[in-house]
PDB file of N, CA and C in Angstrom:
ATOM      1  N   UNK A   1       0.708  -1.019  -0.233  1.00  0.00           N
ATOM      2  CA  UNK A   1      -0.024  -0.251   0.081  1.00  0.00           C
ATOM      3  C   UNK A   1       1.260   0.675  -0.370  1.00  0.00           C
ATOM      4  N   UNK A   2       0.179   1.779  -0.431  1.00  0.00           N
ATOM      5  CA  UNK A   2       1.363   3.664  -1.124  1.00  0.00           C
ATOM      6  C   UNK A   2       1.707   4.338   0.853  1.00  0.00           C
ATOM      7  N   UNK A   3       2.560   4.395   0.747  1.00  0.00           N
ATOM      8  CA  UNK A   3       2.051   6.056   1.575  1.00  0.00           C
ATOM      9  C   UNK A   3       1.697   7.052   1.480  1.00  0.00           C
ATOM     10  N   UNK A   4       0.442   7.690   1.865  1.00  0.00           N
ATOM     11  CA  UNK A   4       0.095   9.013   2.066  1.00  0.00           C
ATOM     12  C   UNK A   4       1.126   9.614   1.563  1.00  0.00           C
ATOM     13  N   UNK A   5       1.371  10.786   0.748  1.00  0.00           N
ATOM     14  CA  UNK A   5       2.690  12.262   0.822  1.00  0.00           C
ATOM     15  C   UNK A   5       2.175  13.509   1.698  1.00  0.00           C
ATOM     16  N   UNK A   6       3.166  13.986   1.406  1.00  0.00           N
ATOM     17  CA  UNK A   6       2.562  14.771   2.397  1.00  0.00           C
ATOM     18  C   UNK A   6       1.409  16.204   2.605  1.00  0.00           C
ATOM     19  N   UNK A   7       1.233  15.904   0.624  1.00  0.00           N
ATOM     20  CA  UNK A   7       0.047  17.294   0.208  1.00  0.00           C
ATOM     21  C   UNK A   7      -1.152  16.456   0.353  1.00  0.00           C
ATOM     22  N   UNK A   8      -1.030  14.574  -0.215  1.00  0.00           N
ATOM     23  CA  UNK A   8      -1.874  14.426   0.346  1.00  0.00           C
ATOM     24  C   UNK A   8      -2.425  14.217   1.589  1.00  0.00           C
ATOM     25  N   UNK A   9      -1.514  13.326   2.934  1.00  0.00           N
ATOM     26  CA  UNK A   9      -2.166  14.051   3.798  1.00  0.00           C
ATOM     27  C   UNK A   9      -2.599  15.165   5.331  1.00  0.00           C
ATOM     28  N   UNK A  10      -1.623  16.497   3.895  1.00  0.00           N
ATOM     29  CA  UNK A  10      -2.472  17.689   4.680  1.00  0.00           C
ATOM     30  C   UNK A  10      -3.778  17.625   3.844  1.00  0.00           C
ATOM     31  N   UNK A  11      -4.081  17.462   2.853  1.00  0.00           N
ATOM     32  CA  UNK A  11      -5.325  17.692   2.304  1.00  0.00           C
ATOM     33  C   UNK A  11      -6.780  16.599   2.773  1.00  0.00           C
ATOM     34  N   UNK A  12      -6.153  15.798   4.005  1.00  0.00           N
ATOM     35  CA  UNK A  12      -6.726  14.734   4.270  1.00  0.00           C
ATOM     36  C   UNK A  12      -6.949  15.429   5.726  1.00  0.00           C
ATOM     37  N   UNK A  13      -5.704  15.353   6.287  1.00  0.00           N
ATOM     38  CA  UNK A  13      -6.273  16.093   7.440  1.00  0.00           C
ATOM     39  C   UNK A  13      -7.421  18.030   7.518  1.00  0.00           C
ATOM     40  N   UNK A  14      -7.053  18.467   6.374  1.00  0.00           N
ATOM     41  CA  UNK A  14      -7.771  19.443   6.588  1.00  0.00           C
ATOM     42  C   UNK A  14      -9.505  19.288   6.529  1.00  0.00           C
ATOM     43  N   UNK A  15      -9.840  17.789   5.121  1.00  0.00           N
ATOM     44  CA  UNK A  15     -10.952  17.230   5.052  1.00  0.00           C
ATOM     45  C   UNK A  15     -11.930  17.271   6.317  1.00  0.00           C
ATOM     46  N   UNK A  16     -10.566  16.261   7.251  1.00  0.00           N
ATOM     47  CA  UNK A  16     -11.385  15.816   8.349  1.00  0.00           C
ATOM     48  C   UNK A  16     -11.530  16.779   9.630  1.00  0.00           C
ATOM     49  N   UNK A  17     -10.933  18.065   9.645  1.00  0.00           N
ATOM     50  CA  UNK A  17     -11.226  19.067  10.129  1.00  0.00           C
ATOM     51  C   UNK A  17     -12.791  19.725  10.405  1.00  0.00           C
ATOM     52  N   UNK A  18     -12.669  20.038   8.364  1.00  0.00           N
ATOM     53  CA  UNK A  18     -13.535  20.305   7.689  1.00  0.00           C
ATOM     54  C   UNK A  18     -15.213  19.078   8.181  1.00  0.00           C
ATOM     55  N   UNK A  19     -15.075  18.111   8.610  1.00  0.00           N
ATOM     56  CA  UNK A  19     -15.845  16.554   8.563  1.00  0.00           C
ATOM     57  C   UNK A  19     -16.526  17.867  10.110  1.00  0.00           C
ATOM     58  N   UNK A  20     -15.515  17.411  10.750  1.00  0.00           N
ATOM     59  CA  UNK A  20     -15.591  17.791  12.071  1.00  0.00           C
ATOM     60  C   UNK A  20     -16.282  18.885  12.103  1.00  0.00           C
ATOM     61  N   UNK A  21     -16.143  20.889  11.703  1.00  0.00           N
ATOM     62  CA  UNK A  21     -16.733  21.455  12.037  1.00  0.00           C
ATOM     63  C   UNK A  21     -18.528  21.386  11.827  1.00  0.00           C
ATOM     64  N   UNK A  22     -18.395  20.329  10.619  1.00  0.00           N
ATOM     65  CA  UNK A  22     -19.746  20.402   9.967  1.00  0.00           C
ATOM     66  C   UNK A  22     -20.567  19.672  11.327  1.00  0.00           C
ATOM     67  N   UNK A  23     -20.520  18.925  12.081  1.00  0.00           N
ATOM     68  CA  UNK A  23     -21.125  17.750  12.930  1.00  0.00           C
ATOM     69  C   UNK A  23     -21.052  19.150  13.949  1.00  0.00           C
ATOM     70  N   UNK A  24     -20.236  19.944  13.965  1.00  0.00           N
ATOM     71  CA  UNK A  24     -20.423  20.490  15.734  1.00  0.00           C
ATOM     72  C   UNK A  24     -20.894  20.701  15.347  1.00  0.00           C
ATOM     73  N   UNK A  25     -21.464  21.863  14.351  1.00  0.00           N
ATOM     74  CA  UNK A  25     -22.669  22.223  13.443  1.00  0.00           C
ATOM     75  C   UNK A  25     -23.929  22.815  14.488  1.00  0.00           C
ATOM     76  N   UNK A  26     -24.314  22.195  14.209  1.00  0.00           N
ATOM     77  CA  UNK A  26     -26.037  21.692  14.947  1.00  0.00           C
ATOM     78  C   UNK A  26     -25.759  21.882  16.120  1.00  0.00           C
ATOM     79  N   UNK A  27     -25.337  21.225  16.874  1.00  0.00           N
ATOM     80  CA  UNK A  27     -24.935  20.796  18.382  1.00  0.00           C
ATOM     81  C   UNK A  27     -24.498  22.384  18.795  1.00  0.00           C
ATOM     82  N   UNK A  28     -23.476  23.407  18.647  1.00  0.00           N
ATOM     83  CA  UNK A  28     -23.806  24.897  17.946  1.00  0.00           C
ATOM     84  C   UNK A  28     -24.695  25.457  19.011  1.00  0.00           C
ATOM     85  N   UNK A  29     -25.412  25.695  17.473  1.00  0.00           N
ATOM     86  CA  UNK A  29     -27.113  26.086  17.689  1.00  0.00           C
ATOM     87  C   UNK A  29     -27.378  25.652  18.286  1.00  0.00           C
ATOM     88  N   UNK A  30     -27.894  24.639  18.644  1.00  0.00           N
ATOM     89  CA  UNK A  30     -28.407  23.878  19.207  1.00  0.00           C
ATOM     90  C   UNK A  30     -28.702  24.235  21.112  1.00  0.00           C
ATOM     91  N   UNK A  31     -27.421  24.496  21.366  1.00  0.00           N
ATOM     92  CA  UNK A  31     -26.659  25.044  22.570  1.00  0.00           C
ATOM     93  C   UNK A  31     -27.518  26.103  22.346  1.00  0.00           C
ATOM     94  N   UNK A  32     -27.242  27.225  21.136  1.00  0.00           N
ATOM     95  CA  UNK A  32     -27.203  28.927  21.434  1.00  0.00           C
ATOM     96  C   UNK A  32     -28.642  29.060  21.845  1.00  0.00           C
ATOM     97  N   UNK A  33     -29.551  27.943  20.803  1.00  0.00           N
ATOM     98  CA  UNK A  33     -30.658  27.971  21.960  1.00  0.00           C
ATOM     99  C   UNK A  33     -31.737  28.133  22.932  1.00  0.00           C
ATOM    100  N   UNK A  34     -30.767  26.191  22.888  1.00  0.00           N
ATOM    101  CA  UNK A  34     -31.168  26.821  24.893  1.00  0.00           C
ATOM    102  C   UNK A  34     -30.684  28.109  25.343  1.00  0.00           C
ATOM    103  N   UNK A  35     -29.446  28.647  24.524  1.00  0.00           N
ATOM    104  CA  UNK A  35     -29.013  29.903  26.009  1.00  0.00           C
ATOM    105  C   UNK A  35     -30.266  31.087  25.727  1.00  0.00           C
ATOM    106  N   UNK A  36     -30.449  31.434  24.592  1.00  0.00           N
ATOM    107  CA  UNK A  36     -31.328  32.770  24.276  1.00  0.00           C
ATOM    108  C   UNK A  36     -32.778  31.904  24.382  1.00  0.00           C
ATOM    109  N   UNK A  37     -33.422  30.901  24.625  1.00  0.00           N
ATOM    110  CA  UNK A  37     -34.350  30.586  25.243  1.00  0.00           C
ATOM    111  C   UNK A  37     -34.723  30.952  27.170  1.00  0.00           C
ATOM    112  N   UNK A  38     -33.166  30.478  27.290  1.00  0.00           N
ATOM    113  CA  UNK A  38     -33.381  30.665  28.832  1.00  0.00           C
ATOM    114  C   UNK A  38     -33.003  31.766  29.459  1.00  0.00           C
ATOM    115  N   UNK A  39     -32.245  32.170  28.408  1.00  0.00           N
ATOM    116  CA  UNK A  39     -32.415  34.026  28.529  1.00  0.00           C
ATOM    117  C   UNK A  39     -33.357  35.221  28.897  1.00  0.00           C
ATOM    118  N   UNK A  40     -34.259  34.840  27.458  1.00  0.00           N
ATOM    119  CA  UNK A  40     -35.625  34.783  26.729  1.00  0.00           C
ATOM    120  C   UNK A  40     -36.732  34.886  27.467  1.00  0.00           C
ATOM    121  N   UNK A  41     -37.227  33.905  27.907  1.00  0.00           N
ATOM    122  CA  UNK A  41     -38.519  33.468  28.306  1.00  0.00           C
ATOM    123  C   UNK A  41     -38.013  32.755  29.184  1.00  0.00           C
ATOM    124  N   UNK A  42     -39.324  33.618  29.863  1.00  0.00           N
ATOM    125  CA  UNK A  42     -39.946  33.864  31.179  1.00  0.00           C
ATOM    126  C   UNK A  42     -40.939  32.764  31.720  1.00  0.00           C
ATOM    127  N   UNK A  43     -42.053  33.189  31.131  1.00  0.00           N
ATOM    128  CA  UNK A  43     -43.186  32.153  30.963  1.00  0.00           C
ATOM    129  C   UNK A  43     -43.837  31.230  29.025  1.00  0.00           C
ATOM    130  N   UNK A  44     -43.663  29.937  29.323  1.00  0.00           N
ATOM    131  CA  UNK A  44     -43.898  29.820  27.421  1.00  0.00           C
ATOM    132  C   UNK A  44     -45.312  30.449  27.719  1.00  0.00           C
ATOM    133  N   UNK A  45     -46.078  30.447  26.707  1.00  0.00           N
ATOM    134  CA  UNK A  45     -47.351  30.794  25.978  1.00  0.00           C
ATOM    135  C   UNK A  45     -47.356  30.841  24.338  1.00  0.00           C
ATOM    136  N   UNK A  46     -48.410  30.634  24.236  1.00  0.00           N
ATOM    137  CA  UNK A  46     -48.900  30.915  23.014  1.00  0.00           C
ATOM    138  C   UNK A  46     -48.573  31.392  21.827  1.00  0.00           C
ATOM    139  N   UNK A  47     -47.827  32.743  22.409  1.00  0.00           N
ATOM    140  CA  UNK A  47     -46.830  33.407  22.287  1.00  0.00           C
ATOM    141  C   UNK A  47     -46.545  35.218  22.791  1.00  0.00           C
ATOM    142  N   UNK A  48     -45.636  34.959  21.985  1.00  0.00           N
ATOM    143  CA  UNK A  48     -43.849  35.472  22.230  1.00  0.00           C
ATOM    144  C   UNK A  48     -44.753  37.250  22.384  1.00  0.00           C
ATOM    145  N   UNK A  49     -44.249  37.012  23.641  1.00  0.00           N
ATOM    146  CA  UNK A  49     -44.782  39.074  23.991  1.00  0.00           C
ATOM    147  C   UNK A  49     -44.014  39.314  23.469  1.00  0.00           C
ATOM    148  N   UNK A  50     -44.192  40.944  23.326  1.00  0.00           N
ATOM    149  CA  UNK A  50     -42.795  42.192  22.736  1.00  0.00           C
ATOM    150  C   UNK A  50     -41.436  42.343  23.626  1.00  0.00           C
ATOM    151  N   UNK A  51     -41.290  42.269  24.961  1.00  0.00           N
ATOM    152  CA  UNK A  51     -40.376  42.477  25.176  1.00  0.00           C
ATOM    153  C   UNK A  51     -39.415  40.566  25.226  1.00  0.00           C
ATOM    154  N   UNK A  52     -40.037  39.654  24.867  1.00  0.00           N
ATOM    155  CA  UNK A  52     -39.512  38.613  25.016  1.00  0.00           C
ATOM    156  C   UNK A  52     -39.113  38.341  23.344  1.00  0.00           C
ATOM    157  N   UNK A  53     -40.049  38.672  21.850  1.00  0.00           N
ATOM    158  CA  UNK A  53     -39.544  38.783  20.728  1.00  0.00           C
ATOM    159  C   UNK A  53     -38.181  39.670  20.969  1.00  0.00           C
ATOM    160  N   UNK A  54     -38.138  40.875  21.693  1.00  0.00           N
ATOM    161  CA  UNK A  54     -37.276  41.273  21.563  1.00  0.00           C
ATOM    162  C   UNK A  54     -35.686  41.209  21.829  1.00  0.00           C
ATOM    163  N   UNK A  55     -36.007  40.137  22.741  1.00  0.00           N
ATOM    164  CA  UNK A  55     -34.817  39.957  24.044  1.00  0.00           C
ATOM    165  C   UNK A  55     -34.301  38.838  22.578  1.00  0.00           C
ATOM    166  N   UNK A  56     -35.024  37.936  22.343  1.00  0.00           N
ATOM    167  CA  UNK A  56     -34.683  36.983  21.497  1.00  0.00           C
ATOM    168  C   UNK A  56     -34.316  37.445  20.199  1.00  0.00           C
ATOM    169  N   UNK A  57     -34.771  38.245  19.531  1.00  0.00           N
ATOM    170  CA  UNK A  57     -33.672  39.187  18.115  1.00  0.00           C
ATOM    171  C   UNK A  57     -32.156  39.753  18.356  1.00  0.00           C
ATOM    172  N   UNK A  58     -32.672  40.356  19.930  1.00  0.00           N
ATOM    173  CA  UNK A  58     -30.699  40.793  20.210  1.00  0.00           C
ATOM    174  C   UNK A  58     -29.804  39.799  20.100  1.00  0.00           C
ATOM    175  N   UNK A  59     -30.261  38.445  20.734  1.00  0.00           N
ATOM    176  CA  UNK A  59     -30.067  37.308  21.411  1.00  0.00           C
ATOM    177  C   UNK A  59     -29.141  36.966  20.250  1.00  0.00           C
ATOM    178  N   UNK A  60     -30.299  36.168  19.061  1.00  0.00           N
ATOM    179  CA  UNK A  60     -29.615  35.779  17.645  1.00  0.00           C
ATOM    180  C   UNK A  60     -29.100  37.087  17.147  1.00  0.00           C
ATOM    181  N   UNK A  61     -28.743  38.383  16.970  1.00  0.00           N
ATOM    182  CA  UNK A  61     -28.208  38.927  16.000  1.00  0.00           C
ATOM    183  C   UNK A  61     -26.241  39.172  16.633  1.00  0.00           C
ATOM    184  N   UNK A  62     -26.563  38.976  18.537  1.00  0.00           N
ATOM    185  CA  UNK A  62     -25.637  38.809  18.573  1.00  0.00           C
ATOM    186  C   UNK A  62     -25.111  37.671  18.853  1.00  0.00           C
ATOM    187  N   UNK A  63     -25.287  36.146  18.741  1.00  0.00           N
ATOM    188  CA  UNK A  63     -24.865  34.815  17.963  1.00  0.00           C
ATOM    189  C   UNK A  63     -24.757  35.037  16.166  1.00  0.00           C
ATOM    190  N   UNK A  64     -24.915  36.138  15.482  1.00  0.00           N
ATOM    191  CA  UNK A  64     -24.746  35.684  13.910  1.00  0.00           C
ATOM    192  C   UNK A  64     -23.432  36.877  14.257  1.00  0.00           C
ATOM    193  N   UNK A  65     -23.653  37.921  14.951  1.00  0.00           N
ATOM    194  CA  UNK A  65     -22.313  38.667  14.230  1.00  0.00           C
ATOM    195  C   UNK A  65     -20.917  38.336  15.224  1.00  0.00           C
ATOM    196  N   UNK A  66     -21.422  37.668  16.799  1.00  0.00           N
ATOM    197  CA  UNK A  66     -19.959  36.523  16.809  1.00  0.00           C
ATOM    198  C   UNK A  66     -19.573  36.239  16.057  1.00  0.00           C
ATOM    199  N   UNK A  67     -20.278  34.877  15.786  1.00  0.00           N
ATOM    200  CA  UNK A  67     -20.118  34.570  14.536  1.00  0.00           C
ATOM    201  C   UNK A  67     -18.809  34.675  12.888  1.00  0.00           C
ATOM    202  N   UNK A  68     -20.028  35.419  12.757  1.00  0.00           N
ATOM    203  CA  UNK A  68     -18.825  36.694  11.757  1.00  0.00           C
ATOM    204  C   UNK A  68     -18.020  36.525  12.408  1.00  0.00           C
ATOM    205  N   UNK A  69     -17.558  37.774  13.508  1.00  0.00           N
ATOM    206  CA  UNK A  69     -16.489  38.086  13.766  1.00  0.00           C
ATOM    207  C   UNK A  69     -15.113  36.928  13.772  1.00  0.00           C
ATOM    208  N   UNK A  70     -15.639  35.582  14.425  1.00  0.00           N
ATOM    209  CA  UNK A  70     -15.134  35.354  15.084  1.00  0.00           C
ATOM    210  C   UNK A  70     -14.283  34.252  13.776  1.00  0.00           C
ATOM    211  N   UNK A  71     -15.433  33.777  12.674  1.00  0.00           N
ATOM    212  CA  UNK A  71     -15.213  33.319  10.892  1.00  0.00           C
ATOM    213  C   UNK A  71     -14.522  33.883  10.495  1.00  0.00           C
ATOM    214  N   UNK A  72     -14.134  35.729  10.134  1.00  0.00           N
ATOM    215  CA  UNK A  72     -13.480  37.004   9.195  1.00  0.00           C
ATOM    216  C   UNK A  72     -11.888  36.770  10.368  1.00  0.00           C
ATOM    217  N   UNK A  73     -11.892  36.704  11.576  1.00  0.00           N
ATOM    218  CA  UNK A  73      -9.961  36.677  12.053  1.00  0.00           C
ATOM    219  C   UNK A  73      -9.955  34.807  11.465  1.00  0.00           C
ATOM    220  N   UNK A  74     -10.501  34.381  11.960  1.00  0.00           N
ATOM    221  CA  UNK A  74     -10.313  32.848  11.808  1.00  0.00           C
ATOM    222  C   UNK A  74      -9.044  32.812   9.862  1.00  0.00           C
ATOM    223  N   UNK A  75     -10.551  33.048   8.730  1.00  0.00           N
ATOM    224  CA  UNK A  75     -10.281  33.978   8.031  1.00  0.00           C
ATOM    225  C   UNK A  75      -8.171  34.693   7.625  1.00  0.00           C
ATOM    226  N   UNK A  76      -8.107  34.976   8.865  1.00  0.00           N
ATOM    227  CA  UNK A  76      -7.822  36.357   8.434  1.00  0.00           C
ATOM    228  C   UNK A  76      -6.159  36.288   8.958  1.00  0.00           C
ATOM    229  N   UNK A  77      -6.177  34.384   9.888  1.00  0.00           N
ATOM    230  CA  UNK A  77      -4.981  33.833  10.731  1.00  0.00           C
ATOM    231  C   UNK A  77      -4.899  32.871   9.555  1.00  0.00           C
ATOM    232  N   UNK A  78      -5.547  32.407   9.157  1.00  0.00           N
ATOM    233  CA  UNK A  78      -5.422  31.221   7.068  1.00  0.00           C
ATOM    234  C   UNK A  78      -4.879  31.596   6.764  1.00  0.00           C
ATOM    235  N   UNK A  79      -5.181  33.095   6.033  1.00  0.00           N
ATOM    236  CA  UNK A  79      -4.540  34.163   4.792  1.00  0.00           C
ATOM    237  C   UNK A  79      -3.227  34.113   5.319  1.00  0.00           C
ATOM    238  N   UNK A  80      -2.489  34.855   6.730  1.00  0.00           N
ATOM    239  CA  UNK A  80      -0.945  35.042   6.841  1.00  0.00           C
ATOM    240  C   UNK A  80      -0.314  33.864   7.123  1.00  0.00           C
ATOM    241  N   UNK A  81      -1.100  32.691   7.417  1.00  0.00           N
ATOM    242  CA  UNK A  81      -0.450  31.443   7.830  1.00  0.00           C
ATOM    243  C   UNK A  81       0.176  30.862   5.926  1.00  0.00           C
ATOM    244  N   UNK A  82      -0.550  30.705   5.079  1.00  0.00           N
ATOM    245  CA  UNK A  82      -0.475  30.933   3.872  1.00  0.00           C
ATOM    246  C   UNK A  82       0.170  31.294   2.686  1.00  0.00           C
ATOM    247  N   UNK A  83       0.516  32.249   3.486  1.00  0.00           N
ATOM    248  CA  UNK A  83       1.716  33.091   2.148  1.00  0.00           C
ATOM    249  C   UNK A  83       3.292  33.061   2.884  1.00  0.00           C
TER     250      UNK A  83
END
């Protein structure tokens, strides 16, 4: 059986990391939803009041902003490493 070259091994490692990240994403979203629910929803009911709706919206916005900031920073690090 032929050995993997350094390039093939690096590509395989990258694919493994990518698949691990894909698998972690649903768990992260679920965890985030639990955090926002616990923070914002005091009494579950048939409808969300405006305070709860605003809280959930802000919580989601913070999650998206944080995710974009982390992704951007990660891309900068990867780009610097590739130079």
